[in-house]
Amino acid sequence: MTAVILNLDTVNLTDEQFYRLCQVNQDWQLERTAKGELIVMPPVGGISGNREADFIIDLGIWNRQTRLGKVFSSSTIFRLPKGGDRSPDAAWISLTRWQSLSRQEQEKFPPICPDFVIELRSRTDSLETLQEKMQEYLDSGLQLGWLINPQQQQVEIYRQNQPVEIKELPTDLSGEDILPGFNLSLSPFE
């Protein structure tokens, strides 16, 4: 099953209406693009779910040791400052930026772009759609993002004001200045 994209140009859901729509449809993973399209995401299979969990574990262990921020799973929707309500497969926000949000903002869909995201392409994901999603993150202030593409054995690295860097697998990825000391070694995917 692939994602279903609904054009909501004339509907104009408010942020609160989108939040309520997600709350009453908790069996569906919903996102909204900066253009206002509603995306109904299919559930991931076992292989993608396991890979995603491994990335969150690695990021979480690093964060527990450094205590520099907060780690989020793919269940978290972020209301991006430049538009869109997006849910990365793994995300991290610096503690200072997270604490700048009110408790109510933290409890709903946080109105903030993560500092770092990982998007993992599953076999049903369109690469172009994920690349557009990464651009939405950059437009909203993302500092570092990794689009991991098992199908092509590559990782696309996104940074502010820089062209996308593509690395072939196997490779070692660095959290750079955003996640100091965080490294991820990626072997070729089977």
N, C-alpha and C. Protein backbone atom coordinates (compact mmCIF):
# COMPACT_ATOMS: atom_id res chain seq x y z
N MET A 1 0.84 -1.18 0.00
CA MET A 1 0.00 0.00 0.00
C MET A 1 0.88 1.24 0.00
N THR A 2 0.55 2.21 -0.82
CA THR A 2 1.28 3.47 -0.83
C THR A 2 0.46 4.54 -0.12
N ALA A 3 1.11 5.67 0.14
CA ALA A 3 0.42 6.78 0.81
C ALA A 3 -0.68 7.32 -0.10
N VAL A 4 -1.74 7.79 0.51
CA VAL A 4 -2.85 8.43 -0.19
C VAL A 4 -2.74 9.92 0.08
N ILE A 5 -2.77 10.74 -0.96
CA ILE A 5 -2.67 12.18 -0.81
C ILE A 5 -3.99 12.81 -1.22
N LEU A 6 -4.59 13.54 -0.30
CA LEU A 6 -5.85 14.22 -0.55
C LEU A 6 -5.60 15.71 -0.68
N ASN A 7 -6.11 16.32 -1.74
CA ASN A 7 -5.97 17.75 -1.95
C ASN A 7 -7.03 18.47 -1.13
N LEU A 8 -6.59 19.30 -0.19
CA LEU A 8 -7.52 20.03 0.67
C LEU A 8 -7.45 21.54 0.43
N ASP A 9 -7.12 21.93 -0.81
CA ASP A 9 -6.96 23.36 -1.14
C ASP A 9 -8.13 24.22 -0.66
N THR A 10 -9.33 23.78 -0.88
CA THR A 10 -10.49 24.61 -0.54
C THR A 10 -11.05 24.32 0.85
N VAL A 11 -10.48 23.35 1.56
CA VAL A 11 -11.00 22.99 2.88
C VAL A 11 -10.40 23.87 3.98
N ASN A 12 -9.10 24.16 3.91
CA ASN A 12 -8.42 25.03 4.87
C ASN A 12 -8.62 24.60 6.32
N LEU A 13 -8.14 23.42 6.66
CA LEU A 13 -8.20 22.97 8.05
C LEU A 13 -7.33 23.86 8.92
N THR A 14 -7.86 24.29 10.05
CA THR A 14 -7.03 25.02 11.01
C THR A 14 -6.11 24.01 11.71
N ASP A 15 -5.12 24.53 12.42
CA ASP A 15 -4.23 23.64 13.17
C ASP A 15 -5.01 22.83 14.19
N GLU A 16 -5.97 23.45 14.84
CA GLU A 16 -6.78 22.75 15.85
C GLU A 16 -7.65 21.68 15.19
N GLN A 17 -8.23 21.98 14.04
CA GLN A 17 -9.05 20.99 13.34
C GLN A 17 -8.20 19.80 12.88
N PHE A 18 -6.98 20.07 12.38
CA PHE A 18 -6.10 18.97 11.99
C PHE A 18 -5.73 18.13 13.20
N TYR A 19 -5.44 18.77 14.31
CA TYR A 19 -5.12 18.05 15.55
C TYR A 19 -6.28 17.14 15.95
N ARG A 20 -7.50 17.67 15.94
CA ARG A 20 -8.68 16.88 16.32
C ARG A 20 -8.92 15.74 15.32
N LEU A 21 -8.71 16.00 14.04
CA LEU A 21 -8.85 14.96 13.01
C LEU A 21 -7.91 13.80 13.32
N CYS A 22 -6.68 14.11 13.70
CA CYS A 22 -5.71 13.06 14.05
C CYS A 22 -6.13 12.32 15.32
N GLN A 23 -6.69 13.04 16.29
CA GLN A 23 -7.07 12.42 17.56
C GLN A 23 -8.24 11.46 17.40
N VAL A 24 -9.18 11.78 16.52
CA VAL A 24 -10.33 10.89 16.34
C VAL A 24 -10.07 9.79 15.32
N ASN A 25 -8.90 9.83 14.68
CA ASN A 25 -8.51 8.80 13.71
C ASN A 25 -7.13 8.25 14.07
N GLN A 26 -7.01 7.79 15.30
CA GLN A 26 -5.70 7.37 15.80
C GLN A 26 -5.17 6.10 15.14
N ASP A 27 -6.01 5.38 14.43
CA ASP A 27 -5.53 4.20 13.71
C ASP A 27 -4.85 4.56 12.39
N TRP A 28 -4.93 5.82 12.01
CA TRP A 28 -4.33 6.30 10.76
C TRP A 28 -3.17 7.22 11.08
N GLN A 29 -2.09 7.08 10.33
CA GLN A 29 -0.99 8.02 10.48
C GLN A 29 -1.20 9.11 9.43
N LEU A 30 -1.47 10.32 9.91
CA LEU A 30 -1.78 11.44 9.03
C LEU A 30 -0.68 12.48 9.09
N GLU A 31 -0.42 13.11 7.97
CA GLU A 31 0.47 14.25 7.87
C GLU A 31 -0.20 15.27 6.97
N ARG A 32 0.29 16.51 7.05
CA ARG A 32 -0.21 17.57 6.17
C ARG A 32 1.00 18.30 5.59
N THR A 33 1.04 18.44 4.27
CA THR A 33 2.17 19.11 3.64
C THR A 33 2.05 20.63 3.79
N ALA A 34 3.12 21.33 3.47
CA ALA A 34 3.09 22.80 3.51
C ALA A 34 2.09 23.34 2.49
N LYS A 35 1.80 22.55 1.44
CA LYS A 35 0.82 22.96 0.42
C LYS A 35 -0.61 22.69 0.88
N GLY A 36 -0.78 22.05 2.03
CA GLY A 36 -2.11 21.77 2.55
C GLY A 36 -2.67 20.42 2.16
N GLU A 37 -1.88 19.56 1.54
CA GLU A 37 -2.36 18.23 1.18
C GLU A 37 -2.37 17.35 2.42
N LEU A 38 -3.40 16.53 2.55
CA LEU A 38 -3.50 15.58 3.64
C LEU A 38 -2.93 14.25 3.15
N ILE A 39 -1.97 13.70 3.89
CA ILE A 39 -1.35 12.43 3.51
C ILE A 39 -1.77 11.37 4.51
N VAL A 40 -2.33 10.28 4.00
CA VAL A 40 -2.67 9.12 4.83
C VAL A 40 -1.57 8.10 4.58
N MET A 41 -0.75 7.87 5.61
CA MET A 41 0.42 7.00 5.48
C MET A 41 0.04 5.57 5.83
N PRO A 42 0.52 4.62 5.03
CA PRO A 42 0.28 3.22 5.38
C PRO A 42 1.20 2.81 6.52
N PRO A 43 0.82 1.80 7.28
CA PRO A 43 1.73 1.31 8.32
C PRO A 43 2.96 0.70 7.67
N VAL A 44 4.08 0.73 8.38
CA VAL A 44 5.29 0.12 7.84
C VAL A 44 5.31 -1.36 8.17
N GLY A 45 6.06 -2.10 7.39
CA GLY A 45 6.22 -3.53 7.64
C GLY A 45 7.29 -3.79 8.68
N GLY A 46 7.53 -5.05 8.93
CA GLY A 46 8.47 -5.46 9.97
C GLY A 46 9.89 -5.01 9.74
N ILE A 47 10.38 -5.10 8.51
CA ILE A 47 11.77 -4.72 8.25
C ILE A 47 11.96 -3.23 8.47
N SER A 48 11.09 -2.40 7.89
CA SER A 48 11.22 -0.95 8.08
C SER A 48 11.01 -0.55 9.54
N GLY A 49 10.04 -1.18 10.20
CA GLY A 49 9.78 -0.87 11.61
C GLY A 49 10.97 -1.20 12.49
N ASN A 50 11.64 -2.32 12.20
CA ASN A 50 12.82 -2.71 12.96
C ASN A 50 13.97 -1.74 12.72
N ARG A 51 14.19 -1.36 11.47
CA ARG A 51 15.26 -0.40 11.16
C ARG A 51 15.01 0.94 11.85
N GLU A 52 13.77 1.40 11.77
CA GLU A 52 13.39 2.66 12.41
C GLU A 52 13.65 2.60 13.91
N ALA A 53 13.27 1.51 14.54
CA ALA A 53 13.48 1.34 15.98
C ALA A 53 14.97 1.38 16.32
N ASP A 54 15.78 0.73 15.51
CA ASP A 54 17.24 0.74 15.75
C ASP A 54 17.79 2.16 15.71
N PHE A 55 17.34 2.97 14.75
CA PHE A 55 17.82 4.35 14.66
C PHE A 55 17.40 5.17 15.88
N ILE A 56 16.16 4.97 16.32
CA ILE A 56 15.68 5.69 17.50
C ILE A 56 16.46 5.26 18.74
N ILE A 57 16.75 3.97 18.86
CA ILE A 57 17.53 3.47 19.99
C ILE A 57 18.91 4.10 20.00
N ASP A 58 19.60 4.10 18.85
CA ASP A 58 20.93 4.69 18.77
C ASP A 58 20.90 6.17 19.15
N LEU A 59 19.95 6.91 18.62
CA LEU A 59 19.82 8.33 18.93
C LEU A 59 19.48 8.53 20.41
N GLY A 60 18.60 7.68 20.92
CA GLY A 60 18.20 7.77 22.33
C GLY A 60 19.34 7.48 23.29
N ILE A 61 20.16 6.48 22.98
CA ILE A 61 21.30 6.17 23.85
C ILE A 61 22.27 7.34 23.88
N TRP A 62 22.57 7.89 22.71
CA TRP A 62 23.45 9.06 22.66
C TRP A 62 22.86 10.21 23.50
N ASN A 63 21.56 10.45 23.34
CA ASN A 63 20.93 11.56 24.06
C ASN A 63 20.89 11.33 25.57
N ARG A 64 20.70 10.10 26.01
CA ARG A 64 20.72 9.81 27.45
C ARG A 64 22.09 10.10 28.04
N GLN A 65 23.13 9.84 27.26
CA GLN A 65 24.49 10.10 27.74
C GLN A 65 24.82 11.59 27.76
N THR A 66 24.34 12.34 26.77
CA THR A 66 24.68 13.76 26.67
C THR A 66 23.66 14.68 27.33
N ARG A 67 22.41 14.26 27.38
CA ARG A 67 21.32 15.06 27.94
C ARG A 67 21.23 16.44 27.28
N LEU A 68 21.44 16.46 25.97
CA LEU A 68 21.43 17.73 25.23
C LEU A 68 20.08 18.09 24.64
N GLY A 69 19.14 17.14 24.63
CA GLY A 69 17.87 17.44 24.00
C GLY A 69 16.82 16.38 24.26
N LYS A 70 15.87 16.32 23.35
CA LYS A 70 14.77 15.37 23.43
C LYS A 70 14.67 14.60 22.12
N VAL A 71 14.43 13.29 22.22
CA VAL A 71 14.30 12.40 21.06
C VAL A 71 12.82 12.07 20.87
N PHE A 72 12.39 11.99 19.61
CA PHE A 72 10.99 11.74 19.30
C PHE A 72 10.86 10.61 18.27
N SER A 73 9.79 9.84 18.41
CA SER A 73 9.51 8.73 17.50
C SER A 73 8.66 9.20 16.33
N SER A 74 8.38 8.29 15.44
CA SER A 74 7.57 8.60 14.25
C SER A 74 6.11 8.86 14.59
N SER A 75 5.72 8.67 15.82
CA SER A 75 4.35 8.97 16.23
C SER A 75 4.14 10.45 16.51
N THR A 76 5.22 11.22 16.57
CA THR A 76 5.13 12.64 16.89
C THR A 76 4.96 13.47 15.63
N ILE A 77 3.96 14.33 15.64
CA ILE A 77 3.74 15.26 14.53
C ILE A 77 4.22 16.63 14.98
N PHE A 78 5.05 17.25 14.15
CA PHE A 78 5.54 18.61 14.41
C PHE A 78 4.83 19.57 13.47
N ARG A 79 4.33 20.66 14.03
CA ARG A 79 3.71 21.72 13.24
C ARG A 79 4.85 22.64 12.81
N LEU A 80 5.27 22.51 11.57
CA LEU A 80 6.44 23.22 11.09
C LEU A 80 6.15 24.71 10.90
N PRO A 81 7.10 25.57 11.28
CA PRO A 81 6.89 27.03 11.19
C PRO A 81 6.57 27.54 9.80
N LYS A 82 7.08 26.90 8.75
CA LYS A 82 6.82 27.36 7.37
C LYS A 82 5.69 26.57 6.72
N GLY A 83 4.92 25.86 7.52
CA GLY A 83 3.78 25.11 7.00
C GLY A 83 4.04 23.62 6.97
N GLY A 84 3.00 22.87 7.15
CA GLY A 84 3.08 21.42 7.16
C GLY A 84 3.06 20.87 8.57
N ASP A 85 2.49 19.73 8.71
CA ASP A 85 2.45 18.98 9.96
C ASP A 85 3.09 17.64 9.63
N ARG A 86 4.33 17.47 10.07
CA ARG A 86 5.14 16.34 9.63
C ARG A 86 5.60 15.46 10.78
N SER A 87 5.79 14.19 10.45
CA SER A 87 6.18 13.18 11.41
C SER A 87 7.41 12.43 10.89
N PRO A 88 8.60 12.84 11.30
CA PRO A 88 9.80 12.12 10.86
C PRO A 88 9.91 10.76 11.55
N ASP A 89 10.70 9.87 10.98
CA ASP A 89 10.86 8.55 11.57
C ASP A 89 11.61 8.62 12.90
N ALA A 90 12.53 9.57 13.03
CA ALA A 90 13.22 9.85 14.29
C ALA A 90 13.55 11.33 14.26
N ALA A 91 13.49 11.97 15.43
CA ALA A 91 13.77 13.41 15.48
C ALA A 91 14.43 13.76 16.81
N TRP A 92 15.13 14.88 16.78
CA TRP A 92 15.80 15.38 17.98
C TRP A 92 15.69 16.90 17.99
N ILE A 93 15.42 17.45 19.19
CA ILE A 93 15.36 18.90 19.40
C ILE A 93 16.23 19.23 20.59
N SER A 94 17.03 20.29 20.47
CA SER A 94 17.88 20.70 21.58
C SER A 94 17.01 21.05 22.79
N LEU A 95 17.56 20.83 23.96
CA LEU A 95 16.82 21.05 25.20
C LEU A 95 16.37 22.51 25.33
N THR A 96 17.23 23.44 24.96
CA THR A 96 16.88 24.86 25.05
C THR A 96 15.68 25.19 24.19
N ARG A 97 15.68 24.70 22.96
CA ARG A 97 14.56 24.99 22.07
C ARG A 97 13.29 24.30 22.56
N TRP A 98 13.39 23.07 23.05
CA TRP A 98 12.22 22.35 23.55
C TRP A 98 11.62 23.07 24.76
N GLN A 99 12.48 23.52 25.65
CA GLN A 99 12.00 24.19 26.86
C GLN A 99 11.42 25.57 26.58
N SER A 100 11.66 26.11 25.38
CA SER A 100 11.08 27.41 25.02
C SER A 100 9.59 27.28 24.69
N LEU A 101 9.13 26.05 24.50
CA LEU A 101 7.71 25.82 24.22
C LEU A 101 6.92 25.74 25.52
N SER A 102 5.68 26.17 25.47
CA SER A 102 4.81 26.04 26.64
C SER A 102 4.45 24.57 26.83
N ARG A 103 3.95 24.24 27.99
CA ARG A 103 3.52 22.87 28.27
C ARG A 103 2.43 22.44 27.28
N GLN A 104 1.49 23.34 26.99
CA GLN A 104 0.42 23.02 26.04
C GLN A 104 0.98 22.77 24.65
N GLU A 105 1.97 23.56 24.23
CA GLU A 105 2.58 23.35 22.92
C GLU A 105 3.31 22.00 22.86
N GLN A 106 3.93 21.62 23.96
CA GLN A 106 4.63 20.34 24.02
C GLN A 106 3.66 19.17 23.98
N GLU A 107 2.47 19.33 24.57
CA GLU A 107 1.51 18.24 24.65
C GLU A 107 0.79 17.97 23.34
N LYS A 108 0.55 19.01 22.54
CA LYS A 108 -0.15 18.80 21.26
C LYS A 108 0.90 18.52 20.19
N PHE A 109 0.70 19.07 19.01
CA PHE A 109 1.70 18.93 17.94
C PHE A 109 2.64 20.11 18.11
N PRO A 110 3.86 19.87 18.59
CA PRO A 110 4.75 20.98 18.89
C PRO A 110 4.98 21.88 17.68
N PRO A 111 4.81 23.21 17.86
CA PRO A 111 5.01 24.16 16.76
C PRO A 111 6.49 24.50 16.61
N ILE A 112 7.25 23.52 16.15
CA ILE A 112 8.70 23.68 16.06
C ILE A 112 9.23 22.67 15.05
N CYS A 113 10.30 23.04 14.40
CA CYS A 113 10.96 22.09 13.51
C CYS A 113 12.09 21.43 14.28
N PRO A 114 12.21 20.12 14.21
CA PRO A 114 13.34 19.47 14.88
C PRO A 114 14.68 20.02 14.35
N ASP A 115 15.69 19.92 15.18
CA ASP A 115 17.05 20.28 14.76
C ASP A 115 17.62 19.20 13.86
N PHE A 116 17.20 17.96 14.10
CA PHE A 116 17.73 16.80 13.39
C PHE A 116 16.60 15.82 13.14
N VAL A 117 16.58 15.24 11.93
CA VAL A 117 15.60 14.20 11.62
C VAL A 117 16.26 13.07 10.84
N ILE A 118 15.67 11.90 10.99
CA ILE A 118 15.98 10.75 10.14
C ILE A 118 14.68 10.35 9.46
N GLU A 119 14.75 10.24 8.14
CA GLU A 119 13.66 9.67 7.36
C GLU A 119 14.20 8.39 6.74
N LEU A 120 13.48 7.31 6.91
CA LEU A 120 13.86 6.01 6.37
C LEU A 120 12.87 5.65 5.27
N ARG A 121 13.37 5.49 4.07
CA ARG A 121 12.50 5.15 2.95
C ARG A 121 12.12 3.68 3.03
N SER A 122 10.82 3.43 3.13
CA SER A 122 10.34 2.04 3.06
C SER A 122 10.11 1.70 1.60
N ARG A 123 9.85 0.46 1.33
CA ARG A 123 9.74 0.03 -0.07
C ARG A 123 8.54 0.66 -0.79
N THR A 124 7.55 1.14 -0.05
CA THR A 124 6.38 1.76 -0.69
C THR A 124 6.49 3.28 -0.77
N ASP A 125 7.56 3.87 -0.21
CA ASP A 125 7.70 5.33 -0.22
C ASP A 125 8.26 5.83 -1.55
N SER A 126 7.71 6.91 -2.01
CA SER A 126 8.24 7.60 -3.18
C SER A 126 9.45 8.42 -2.74
N LEU A 127 10.57 8.27 -3.42
CA LEU A 127 11.78 9.03 -3.08
C LEU A 127 11.53 10.52 -3.26
N GLU A 128 10.87 10.90 -4.33
CA GLU A 128 10.59 12.31 -4.59
C GLU A 128 9.75 12.94 -3.47
N THR A 129 8.75 12.20 -2.99
CA THR A 129 7.91 12.70 -1.91
C THR A 129 8.73 12.90 -0.64
N LEU A 130 9.62 11.97 -0.34
CA LEU A 130 10.47 12.11 0.85
C LEU A 130 11.46 13.27 0.69
N GLN A 131 11.97 13.47 -0.50
CA GLN A 131 12.87 14.60 -0.74
C GLN A 131 12.14 15.93 -0.56
N GLU A 132 10.89 15.99 -0.99
CA GLU A 132 10.08 17.20 -0.77
C GLU A 132 9.85 17.42 0.72
N LYS A 133 9.63 16.34 1.44
CA LYS A 133 9.44 16.43 2.90
C LYS A 133 10.71 16.96 3.56
N MET A 134 11.87 16.48 3.14
CA MET A 134 13.13 16.96 3.69
C MET A 134 13.30 18.45 3.41
N GLN A 135 12.88 18.89 2.24
CA GLN A 135 12.96 20.32 1.92
C GLN A 135 12.04 21.14 2.81
N GLU A 136 10.87 20.60 3.14
CA GLU A 136 9.97 21.30 4.08
C GLU A 136 10.66 21.48 5.43
N TYR A 137 11.35 20.44 5.89
CA TYR A 137 12.10 20.57 7.15
C TYR A 137 13.14 21.67 7.05
N LEU A 138 13.92 21.66 5.96
CA LEU A 138 14.96 22.68 5.79
C LEU A 138 14.35 24.08 5.76
N ASP A 139 13.25 24.23 5.04
CA ASP A 139 12.59 25.54 4.95
C ASP A 139 12.13 26.02 6.32
N SER A 140 11.88 25.09 7.23
CA SER A 140 11.39 25.44 8.57
C SER A 140 12.49 25.50 9.62
N GLY A 141 13.75 25.31 9.21
CA GLY A 141 14.86 25.48 10.15
C GLY A 141 15.66 24.25 10.52
N LEU A 142 15.39 23.11 9.89
CA LEU A 142 16.17 21.91 10.16
C LEU A 142 17.65 22.21 9.98
N GLN A 143 18.47 21.69 10.92
CA GLN A 143 19.91 21.89 10.84
C GLN A 143 20.61 20.73 10.14
N LEU A 144 20.13 19.50 10.39
CA LEU A 144 20.76 18.32 9.82
C LEU A 144 19.69 17.24 9.64
N GLY A 145 19.69 16.60 8.47
CA GLY A 145 18.73 15.53 8.22
C GLY A 145 19.35 14.44 7.38
N TRP A 146 18.96 13.20 7.68
CA TRP A 146 19.43 12.05 6.93
C TRP A 146 18.23 11.35 6.31
N LEU A 147 18.24 11.24 5.00
CA LEU A 147 17.23 10.45 4.29
C LEU A 147 17.92 9.15 3.89
N ILE A 148 17.58 8.09 4.60
CA ILE A 148 18.21 6.79 4.40
C ILE A 148 17.38 6.01 3.39
N ASN A 149 18.05 5.58 2.32
CA ASN A 149 17.39 4.98 1.18
C ASN A 149 17.94 3.56 0.94
N PRO A 150 17.37 2.55 1.61
CA PRO A 150 17.85 1.18 1.43
C PRO A 150 17.75 0.67 -0.01
N GLN A 151 16.74 1.13 -0.75
CA GLN A 151 16.53 0.65 -2.11
C GLN A 151 17.72 0.99 -3.02
N GLN A 152 18.33 2.14 -2.80
CA GLN A 152 19.46 2.55 -3.63
C GLN A 152 20.78 2.49 -2.85
N GLN A 153 20.73 1.96 -1.63
CA GLN A 153 21.93 1.82 -0.80
C GLN A 153 22.65 3.15 -0.65
N GLN A 154 21.87 4.20 -0.32
CA GLN A 154 22.41 5.55 -0.19
C GLN A 154 21.81 6.26 1.01
N VAL A 155 22.50 7.33 1.39
CA VAL A 155 21.98 8.27 2.38
C VAL A 155 22.12 9.67 1.78
N GLU A 156 21.04 10.44 1.84
CA GLU A 156 21.10 11.84 1.44
C GLU A 156 21.21 12.66 2.72
N ILE A 157 22.19 13.55 2.76
CA ILE A 157 22.43 14.37 3.94
C ILE A 157 22.00 15.80 3.62
N TYR A 158 21.10 16.32 4.45
CA TYR A 158 20.54 17.66 4.27
C TYR A 158 21.08 18.58 5.36
N ARG A 159 21.58 19.76 4.94
CA ARG A 159 22.09 20.78 5.85
C ARG A 159 21.60 22.14 5.35
N GLN A 160 21.48 23.09 6.29
CA GLN A 160 21.09 24.44 5.93
C GLN A 160 22.08 25.05 4.94
N ASN A 161 21.56 25.68 3.90
CA ASN A 161 22.34 26.46 2.94
C ASN A 161 23.46 25.67 2.26
N GLN A 162 23.24 24.37 2.09
CA GLN A 162 24.24 23.54 1.41
C GLN A 162 23.51 22.59 0.46
N PRO A 163 24.20 22.19 -0.61
CA PRO A 163 23.58 21.19 -1.48
C PRO A 163 23.49 19.84 -0.76
N VAL A 164 22.55 19.03 -1.18
CA VAL A 164 22.38 17.70 -0.60
C VAL A 164 23.62 16.87 -0.91
N GLU A 165 24.15 16.21 0.11
CA GLU A 165 25.29 15.31 -0.06
C GLU A 165 24.76 13.88 -0.09
N ILE A 166 25.24 13.10 -1.04
CA ILE A 166 24.82 11.70 -1.15
C ILE A 166 26.01 10.81 -0.84
N LYS A 167 25.80 9.87 0.09
CA LYS A 167 26.83 8.90 0.43
C LYS A 167 26.32 7.51 0.09
N GLU A 168 27.20 6.71 -0.47
CA GLU A 168 26.88 5.31 -0.77
C GLU A 168 27.16 4.47 0.47
N LEU A 169 26.39 3.39 0.64
CA LEU A 169 26.61 2.47 1.76
C LEU A 169 27.67 1.45 1.38
N PRO A 170 28.48 1.02 2.31
CA PRO A 170 28.50 1.36 3.73
C PRO A 170 29.10 2.75 3.94
N THR A 171 28.69 3.37 5.04
CA THR A 171 29.20 4.70 5.38
C THR A 171 29.05 4.96 6.87
N ASP A 172 29.81 5.90 7.35
CA ASP A 172 29.69 6.39 8.72
C ASP A 172 29.12 7.79 8.65
N LEU A 173 28.08 8.04 9.43
CA LEU A 173 27.45 9.35 9.48
C LEU A 173 27.79 10.03 10.80
N SER A 174 27.99 11.33 10.72
CA SER A 174 28.34 12.11 11.90
C SER A 174 27.21 13.08 12.23
N GLY A 175 26.95 13.25 13.51
CA GLY A 175 25.98 14.25 13.96
C GLY A 175 26.52 15.66 13.89
N GLU A 176 27.78 15.78 13.50
CA GLU A 176 28.43 17.07 13.28
C GLU A 176 28.29 17.94 14.53
N ASP A 177 28.14 19.26 14.35
CA ASP A 177 28.01 20.17 15.49
C ASP A 177 26.63 20.13 16.11
N ILE A 178 25.66 19.58 15.38
CA ILE A 178 24.28 19.54 15.86
C ILE A 178 24.13 18.49 16.95
N LEU A 179 24.69 17.30 16.73
CA LEU A 179 24.65 16.19 17.68
C LEU A 179 26.11 15.79 17.97
N PRO A 180 26.82 16.56 18.77
CA PRO A 180 28.24 16.30 18.98
C PRO A 180 28.50 14.91 19.56
N GLY A 181 29.35 14.17 18.86
CA GLY A 181 29.70 12.82 19.31
C GLY A 181 28.78 11.73 18.83
N PHE A 182 27.68 12.06 18.16
CA PHE A 182 26.77 11.05 17.65
C PHE A 182 27.27 10.56 16.30
N ASN A 183 27.46 9.27 16.19
CA ASN A 183 27.90 8.64 14.94
C ASN A 183 27.02 7.43 14.67
N LEU A 184 26.76 7.20 13.41
CA LEU A 184 25.96 6.06 13.00
C LEU A 184 26.67 5.37 11.85
N SER A 185 26.99 4.12 12.03
CA SER A 185 27.60 3.33 10.97
C SER A 185 26.52 2.54 10.26
N LEU A 186 26.43 2.73 8.97
CA LEU A 186 25.41 2.04 8.17
C LEU A 186 26.08 1.04 7.24
N SER A 187 25.68 -0.20 7.37
CA SER A 187 26.11 -1.25 6.46
C SER A 187 25.12 -1.31 5.31
N PRO A 188 25.49 -1.94 4.21
CA PRO A 188 24.51 -2.12 3.14
C PRO A 188 23.28 -2.88 3.66
N PHE A 189 22.12 -2.48 3.20
CA PHE A 189 20.88 -3.15 3.59
C PHE A 189 20.68 -4.38 2.74
N GLU A 190 20.16 -5.43 3.36
CA GLU A 190 19.87 -6.67 2.63
C GLU A 190 18.54 -6.57 1.94
